[in-house]
């Protein structure tokens, strides 16, 4: 459980993979705009920025997808 908690903890954006891996990022609140979470990938021409007003500050790996139940 402790290891899972560490895997699912927010990490500084500077440590995020820049190889096209999709990750969950946190975008900081600013000037009355709420912060939010979203999935994205690093882009060589734009970095982690997801809009023109806010910085992406943290990331975490995506959880594994659920197994199919049929």
PDB file of N, CA and C in Angstrom:
ATOM      1  N   UNK A   1       0.830  -1.188   0.000  1.00  0.00           N
ATOM      2  CA  UNK A   1       0.000   0.000   0.000  1.00  0.00           C
ATOM      3  C   UNK A   1       0.876   1.254   0.000  1.00  0.00           C
ATOM      4  N   UNK A   2       1.954   1.234   0.777  1.00  0.00           N
ATOM      5  CA  UNK A   2       2.836   2.405   0.820  1.00  0.00           C
ATOM      6  C   UNK A   2       3.481   2.649  -0.537  1.00  0.00           C
ATOM      7  N   UNK A   3       3.935   1.581  -1.189  1.00  0.00           N
ATOM      8  CA  UNK A   3       4.553   1.712  -2.513  1.00  0.00           C
ATOM      9  C   UNK A   3       3.563   2.273  -3.518  1.00  0.00           C
ATOM     10  N   UNK A   4       2.321   1.794  -3.475  1.00  0.00           N
ATOM     11  CA  UNK A   4       1.293   2.301  -4.375  1.00  0.00           C
ATOM     12  C   UNK A   4       1.058   3.784  -4.112  1.00  0.00           C
ATOM     13  N   UNK A   5       1.035   4.183  -2.847  1.00  0.00           N
ATOM     14  CA  UNK A   5       0.864   5.585  -2.510  1.00  0.00           C
ATOM     15  C   UNK A   5       1.985   6.446  -3.065  1.00  0.00           C
ATOM     16  N   UNK A   6       3.209   5.933  -3.029  1.00  0.00           N
ATOM     17  CA  UNK A   6       4.343   6.670  -3.573  1.00  0.00           C
ATOM     18  C   UNK A   6       4.271   6.762  -5.086  1.00  0.00           C
ATOM     19  N   UNK A   7       3.822   5.687  -5.730  1.00  0.00           N
ATOM     20  CA  UNK A   7       3.674   5.688  -7.187  1.00  0.00           C
ATOM     21  C   UNK A   7       2.606   6.673  -7.625  1.00  0.00           C
ATOM     22  N   UNK A   8       1.563   6.826  -6.829  1.00  0.00           N
ATOM     23  CA  UNK A   8       0.440   7.694  -7.183  1.00  0.00           C
ATOM     24  C   UNK A   8       0.565   9.098  -6.604  1.00  0.00           C
ATOM     25  N   UNK A   9       1.712   9.472  -6.095  1.00  0.00           N
ATOM     26  CA  UNK A   9       1.919  10.799  -5.521  1.00  0.00           C
ATOM     27  C   UNK A   9       2.244  11.809  -6.629  1.00  0.00           C
ATOM     28  N   UNK A  10       1.853  13.059  -6.410  1.00  0.00           N
ATOM     29  CA  UNK A  10       2.219  14.134  -7.338  1.00  0.00           C
ATOM     30  C   UNK A  10       3.719  14.358  -7.285  1.00  0.00           C
ATOM     31  N   UNK A  11       4.303  14.597  -8.456  1.00  0.00           N
ATOM     32  CA  UNK A  11       5.748  14.806  -8.582  1.00  0.00           C
ATOM     33  C   UNK A  11       6.000  16.128  -9.299  1.00  0.00           C
ATOM     34  N   UNK A  12       7.133  16.775  -9.056  1.00  0.00           N
ATOM     35  CA  UNK A  12       7.435  18.023  -9.767  1.00  0.00           C
ATOM     36  C   UNK A  12       7.457  17.790 -11.278  1.00  0.00           C
ATOM     37  N   UNK A  13       6.926  18.731 -12.037  1.00  0.00           N
ATOM     38  CA  UNK A  13       6.835  18.571 -13.490  1.00  0.00           C
ATOM     39  C   UNK A  13       8.213  18.391 -14.129  1.00  0.00           C
ATOM     40  N   UNK A  14       9.251  18.905 -13.493  1.00  0.00           N
ATOM     41  CA  UNK A  14      10.601  18.771 -14.043  1.00  0.00           C
ATOM     42  C   UNK A  14      11.044  17.315 -14.130  1.00  0.00           C
ATOM     43  N   UNK A  15      10.402  16.420 -13.382  1.00  0.00           N
ATOM     44  CA  UNK A  15      10.787  15.010 -13.384  1.00  0.00           C
ATOM     45  C   UNK A  15       9.927  14.166 -14.329  1.00  0.00           C
ATOM     46  N   UNK A  16       8.994  14.776 -15.029  1.00  0.00           N
ATOM     47  CA  UNK A  16       8.075  14.036 -15.897  1.00  0.00           C
ATOM     48  C   UNK A  16       8.778  13.533 -17.158  1.00  0.00           C
ATOM     49  N   UNK A  17       8.317  12.402 -17.696  1.00  0.00           N
ATOM     50  CA  UNK A  17       8.920  11.867 -18.922  1.00  0.00           C
ATOM     51  C   UNK A  17       8.631  12.774 -20.120  1.00  0.00           C
ATOM     52  N   UNK A  18       9.599  12.908 -20.986  1.00  0.00           N
ATOM     53  CA  UNK A  18       9.451  13.744 -22.186  1.00  0.00           C
ATOM     54  C   UNK A  18       9.552  12.901 -23.444  1.00  0.00           C
ATOM     55  N   UNK A  19       9.132  11.632 -23.328  1.00  0.00           N
ATOM     56  CA  UNK A  19       9.262  10.679 -24.434  1.00  0.00           C
ATOM     57  C   UNK A  19       7.931  10.362 -25.112  1.00  0.00           C
ATOM     58  N   UNK A  20       6.903  11.174 -24.888  1.00  0.00           N
ATOM     59  CA  UNK A  20       5.597  10.922 -25.492  1.00  0.00           C
ATOM     60  C   UNK A  20       4.661  10.137 -24.599  1.00  0.00           C
ATOM     61  N   UNK A  21       5.091   9.787 -23.387  1.00  0.00           N
ATOM     62  CA  UNK A  21       4.247   9.072 -22.437  1.00  0.00           C
ATOM     63  C   UNK A  21       3.102   9.974 -21.983  1.00  0.00           C
ATOM     64  N   UNK A  22       1.886   9.466 -21.997  1.00  0.00           N
ATOM     65  CA  UNK A  22       0.748  10.220 -21.493  1.00  0.00           C
ATOM     66  C   UNK A  22       0.730  10.134 -19.974  1.00  0.00           C
ATOM     67  N   UNK A  23       0.611  11.294 -19.320  1.00  0.00           N
ATOM     68  CA  UNK A  23       0.603  11.371 -17.864  1.00  0.00           C
ATOM     69  C   UNK A  23      -0.538  12.280 -17.414  1.00  0.00           C
ATOM     70  N   UNK A  24      -0.855  12.214 -16.129  1.00  0.00           N
ATOM     71  CA  UNK A  24      -1.814  13.123 -15.513  1.00  0.00           C
ATOM     72  C   UNK A  24      -1.033  14.321 -15.011  1.00  0.00           C
ATOM     73  N   UNK A  25      -1.471  15.536 -15.366  1.00  0.00           N
ATOM     74  CA  UNK A  25      -0.782  16.746 -14.913  1.00  0.00           C
ATOM     75  C   UNK A  25      -1.733  17.630 -14.124  1.00  0.00           C
ATOM     76  N   UNK A  26      -1.137  18.462 -13.268  1.00  0.00           N
ATOM     77  CA  UNK A  26      -1.894  19.473 -12.535  1.00  0.00           C
ATOM     78  C   UNK A  26      -1.499  20.837 -13.078  1.00  0.00           C
ATOM     79  N   UNK A  27      -2.504  21.620 -13.408  1.00  0.00           N
ATOM     80  CA  UNK A  27      -2.299  22.964 -13.925  1.00  0.00           C
ATOM     81  C   UNK A  27      -2.707  23.938 -12.823  1.00  0.00           C
ATOM     82  N   UNK A  28      -1.806  24.817 -12.458  1.00  0.00           N
ATOM     83  CA  UNK A  28      -1.996  25.695 -11.308  1.00  0.00           C
ATOM     84  C   UNK A  28      -3.105  26.724 -11.519  1.00  0.00           C
ATOM     85  N   UNK A  29      -3.763  27.079 -10.411  1.00  0.00           N
ATOM     86  CA  UNK A  29      -4.744  28.161 -10.409  1.00  0.00           C
ATOM     87  C   UNK A  29      -4.010  29.493 -10.507  1.00  0.00           C
ATOM     88  N   UNK A  30      -4.645  30.475 -11.163  1.00  0.00           N
ATOM     89  CA  UNK A  30      -4.052  31.814 -11.262  1.00  0.00           C
ATOM     90  C   UNK A  30      -5.143  32.832 -11.580  1.00  0.00           C
ATOM     91  N   UNK A  31      -5.056  33.995 -10.969  1.00  0.00           N
ATOM     92  CA  UNK A  31      -5.946  35.120 -11.264  1.00  0.00           C
ATOM     93  C   UNK A  31      -7.419  34.738 -11.307  1.00  0.00           C
ATOM     94  N   UNK A  32      -7.869  33.965 -10.329  1.00  0.00           N
ATOM     95  CA  UNK A  32      -9.273  33.588 -10.253  1.00  0.00           C
ATOM     96  C   UNK A  32      -9.660  32.376 -11.090  1.00  0.00           C
ATOM     97  N   UNK A  33      -8.746  31.876 -11.907  1.00  0.00           N
ATOM     98  CA  UNK A  33      -9.006  30.664 -12.681  1.00  0.00           C
ATOM     99  C   UNK A  33      -8.640  29.471 -11.816  1.00  0.00           C
ATOM    100  N   UNK A  34      -9.508  28.483 -11.765  1.00  0.00           N
ATOM    101  CA  UNK A  34      -9.260  27.298 -10.947  1.00  0.00           C
ATOM    102  C   UNK A  34      -8.147  26.444 -11.534  1.00  0.00           C
ATOM    103  N   UNK A  35      -7.430  25.754 -10.659  1.00  0.00           N
ATOM    104  CA  UNK A  35      -6.484  24.752 -11.114  1.00  0.00           C
ATOM    105  C   UNK A  35      -7.257  23.528 -11.584  1.00  0.00           C
ATOM    106  N   UNK A  36      -6.638  22.700 -12.390  1.00  0.00           N
ATOM    107  CA  UNK A  36      -7.311  21.491 -12.863  1.00  0.00           C
ATOM    108  C   UNK A  36      -6.299  20.408 -13.195  1.00  0.00           C
ATOM    109  N   UNK A  37      -6.829  19.196 -13.378  1.00  0.00           N
ATOM    110  CA  UNK A  37      -6.029  18.032 -13.756  1.00  0.00           C
ATOM    111  C   UNK A  37      -6.461  17.594 -15.142  1.00  0.00           C
ATOM    112  N   UNK A  38      -5.510  17.089 -15.909  1.00  0.00           N
ATOM    113  CA  UNK A  38      -5.834  16.542 -17.226  1.00  0.00           C
ATOM    114  C   UNK A  38      -4.716  15.604 -17.669  1.00  0.00           C
ATOM    115  N   UNK A  39      -5.005  14.781 -18.645  1.00  0.00           N
ATOM    116  CA  UNK A  39      -3.959  13.944 -19.219  1.00  0.00           C
ATOM    117  C   UNK A  39      -3.369  14.667 -20.417  1.00  0.00           C
ATOM    118  N   UNK A  40      -2.067  14.514 -20.599  1.00  0.00           N
ATOM    119  CA  UNK A  40      -1.385  15.139 -21.721  1.00  0.00           C
ATOM    120  C   UNK A  40      -0.028  14.483 -21.915  1.00  0.00           C
ATOM    121  N   UNK A  41       0.655  14.904 -22.949  1.00  0.00           N
ATOM    122  CA  UNK A  41       2.017  14.462 -23.239  1.00  0.00           C
ATOM    123  C   UNK A  41       2.893  15.688 -23.404  1.00  0.00           C
ATOM    124  N   UNK A  42       4.183  15.535 -23.202  1.00  0.00           N
ATOM    125  CA  UNK A  42       5.136  16.617 -23.434  1.00  0.00           C
ATOM    126  C   UNK A  42       5.236  16.871 -24.934  1.00  0.00           C
ATOM    127  N   UNK A  43       5.258  18.135 -25.308  1.00  0.00           N
ATOM    128  CA  UNK A  43       5.387  18.516 -26.720  1.00  0.00           C
ATOM    129  C   UNK A  43       6.665  19.330 -26.894  1.00  0.00           C
ATOM    130  N   UNK A  44       7.515  18.907 -27.806  1.00  0.00           N
ATOM    131  CA  UNK A  44       8.814  19.552 -27.993  1.00  0.00           C
ATOM    132  C   UNK A  44       8.675  21.045 -28.290  1.00  0.00           C
ATOM    133  N   UNK A  45       7.635  21.453 -28.978  1.00  0.00           N
ATOM    134  CA  UNK A  45       7.489  22.863 -29.336  1.00  0.00           C
ATOM    135  C   UNK A  45       6.713  23.681 -28.304  1.00  0.00           C
ATOM    136  N   UNK A  46       6.063  23.029 -27.338  1.00  0.00           N
ATOM    137  CA  UNK A  46       5.277  23.780 -26.369  1.00  0.00           C
ATOM    138  C   UNK A  46       5.436  23.320 -24.934  1.00  0.00           C
ATOM    139  N   UNK A  47       6.198  22.262 -24.730  1.00  0.00           N
ATOM    140  CA  UNK A  47       6.401  21.744 -23.382  1.00  0.00           C
ATOM    141  C   UNK A  47       5.120  21.215 -22.764  1.00  0.00           C
ATOM    142  N   UNK A  48       4.939  21.467 -21.479  1.00  0.00           N
ATOM    143  CA  UNK A  48       3.784  20.984 -20.731  1.00  0.00           C
ATOM    144  C   UNK A  48       2.661  22.001 -20.665  1.00  0.00           C
ATOM    145  N   UNK A  49       2.854  23.173 -21.203  1.00  0.00           N
ATOM    146  CA  UNK A  49       1.834  24.207 -21.110  1.00  0.00           C
ATOM    147  C   UNK A  49       0.557  23.735 -21.809  1.00  0.00           C
ATOM    148  N   UNK A  50      -0.565  23.830 -21.100  1.00  0.00           N
ATOM    149  CA  UNK A  50      -1.834  23.391 -21.671  1.00  0.00           C
ATOM    150  C   UNK A  50      -2.756  24.557 -21.984  1.00  0.00           C
ATOM    151  N   UNK A  51      -2.425  25.752 -21.488  1.00  0.00           N
ATOM    152  CA  UNK A  51      -3.099  26.965 -21.940  1.00  0.00           C
ATOM    153  C   UNK A  51      -2.150  28.141 -21.766  1.00  0.00           C
ATOM    154  N   UNK A  52      -2.516  29.279 -22.284  1.00  0.00           N
ATOM    155  CA  UNK A  52      -1.581  30.413 -22.295  1.00  0.00           C
ATOM    156  C   UNK A  52      -1.457  31.142 -20.967  1.00  0.00           C
ATOM    157  N   UNK A  53      -2.298  30.821 -19.978  1.00  0.00           N
ATOM    158  CA  UNK A  53      -2.325  31.557 -18.727  1.00  0.00           C
ATOM    159  C   UNK A  53      -1.656  30.852 -17.556  1.00  0.00           C
ATOM    160  N   UNK A  54      -1.642  29.535 -17.561  1.00  0.00           N
ATOM    161  CA  UNK A  54      -1.231  28.791 -16.371  1.00  0.00           C
ATOM    162  C   UNK A  54      -0.077  27.841 -16.646  1.00  0.00           C
ATOM    163  N   UNK A  55       0.658  27.587 -15.597  1.00  0.00           N
ATOM    164  CA  UNK A  55       1.778  26.657 -15.671  1.00  0.00           C
ATOM    165  C   UNK A  55       1.344  25.263 -15.213  1.00  0.00           C
ATOM    166  N   UNK A  56       1.889  24.256 -15.858  1.00  0.00           N
ATOM    167  CA  UNK A  56       1.745  22.878 -15.399  1.00  0.00           C
ATOM    168  C   UNK A  56       2.827  22.663 -14.346  1.00  0.00           C
ATOM    169  N   UNK A  57       2.420  22.317 -13.114  1.00  0.00           N
ATOM    170  CA  UNK A  57       3.381  22.281 -12.016  1.00  0.00           C
ATOM    171  C   UNK A  57       3.736  20.887 -11.526  1.00  0.00           C
ATOM    172  N   UNK A  58       2.829  19.914 -11.691  1.00  0.00           N
ATOM    173  CA  UNK A  58       3.057  18.563 -11.160  1.00  0.00           C
ATOM    174  C   UNK A  58       2.524  17.520 -12.134  1.00  0.00           C
ATOM    175  N   UNK A  59       2.963  16.290 -11.930  1.00  0.00           N
ATOM    176  CA  UNK A  59       2.493  15.172 -12.754  1.00  0.00           C
ATOM    177  C   UNK A  59       2.464  13.911 -11.917  1.00  0.00           C
ATOM    178  N   UNK A  60       1.762  12.905 -12.433  1.00  0.00           N
ATOM    179  CA  UNK A  60       1.821  11.553 -11.873  1.00  0.00           C
ATOM    180  C   UNK A  60       1.506  10.562 -12.984  1.00  0.00           C
ATOM    181  N   UNK A  61       2.013   9.339 -12.859  1.00  0.00           N
ATOM    182  CA  UNK A  61       1.729   8.318 -13.868  1.00  0.00           C
ATOM    183  C   UNK A  61       0.237   7.987 -13.875  1.00  0.00           C
ATOM    184  N   UNK A  62      -0.256   7.576 -15.014  1.00  0.00           N
ATOM    185  CA  UNK A  62      -1.637   7.099 -15.100  1.00  0.00           C
ATOM    186  C   UNK A  62      -1.727   5.724 -14.464  1.00  0.00           C
ATOM    187  N   UNK A  63      -2.861   5.421 -13.847  1.00  0.00           N
ATOM    188  CA  UNK A  63      -3.031   4.067 -13.308  1.00  0.00           C
ATOM    189  C   UNK A  63      -3.196   3.076 -14.456  1.00  0.00           C
ATOM    190  N   UNK A  64      -3.001   1.799 -14.182  1.00  0.00           N
ATOM    191  CA  UNK A  64      -3.240   0.801 -15.234  1.00  0.00           C
ATOM    192  C   UNK A  64      -4.710   0.791 -15.625  1.00  0.00           C
ATOM    193  N   UNK A  65      -4.975   0.449 -16.879  1.00  0.00           N
ATOM    194  CA  UNK A  65      -6.368   0.369 -17.336  1.00  0.00           C
ATOM    195  C   UNK A  65      -7.032  -0.861 -16.709  1.00  0.00           C
ATOM    196  N   UNK A  66      -8.351  -0.820 -16.515  1.00  0.00           N
ATOM    197  CA  UNK A  66      -9.028  -1.979 -15.912  1.00  0.00           C
ATOM    198  C   UNK A  66      -8.982  -3.182 -16.846  1.00  0.00           C
ATOM    199  N   UNK A  67      -8.998  -4.355 -16.270  1.00  0.00           N
ATOM    200  CA  UNK A  67      -9.065  -5.581 -17.059  1.00  0.00           C
ATOM    201  C   UNK A  67     -10.496  -5.788 -17.516  1.00  0.00           C
ATOM    202  N   UNK A  68     -10.642  -6.302 -18.710  1.00  0.00           N
ATOM    203  CA  UNK A  68     -11.977  -6.546 -19.263  1.00  0.00           C
ATOM    204  C   UNK A  68     -12.714  -7.603 -18.443  1.00  0.00           C
ATOM    205  N   UNK A  69     -13.981  -7.361 -18.215  1.00  0.00           N
ATOM    206  CA  UNK A  69     -14.824  -8.346 -17.547  1.00  0.00           C
ATOM    207  C   UNK A  69     -15.954  -8.684 -18.495  1.00  0.00           C
ATOM    208  N   UNK A  70     -16.045  -9.919 -18.858  1.00  0.00           N
ATOM    209  CA  UNK A  70     -17.077 -10.280 -19.826  1.00  0.00           C
ATOM    210  C   UNK A  70     -17.926 -11.371 -19.331  1.00  0.00           C
TER     211      UNK A  70
END
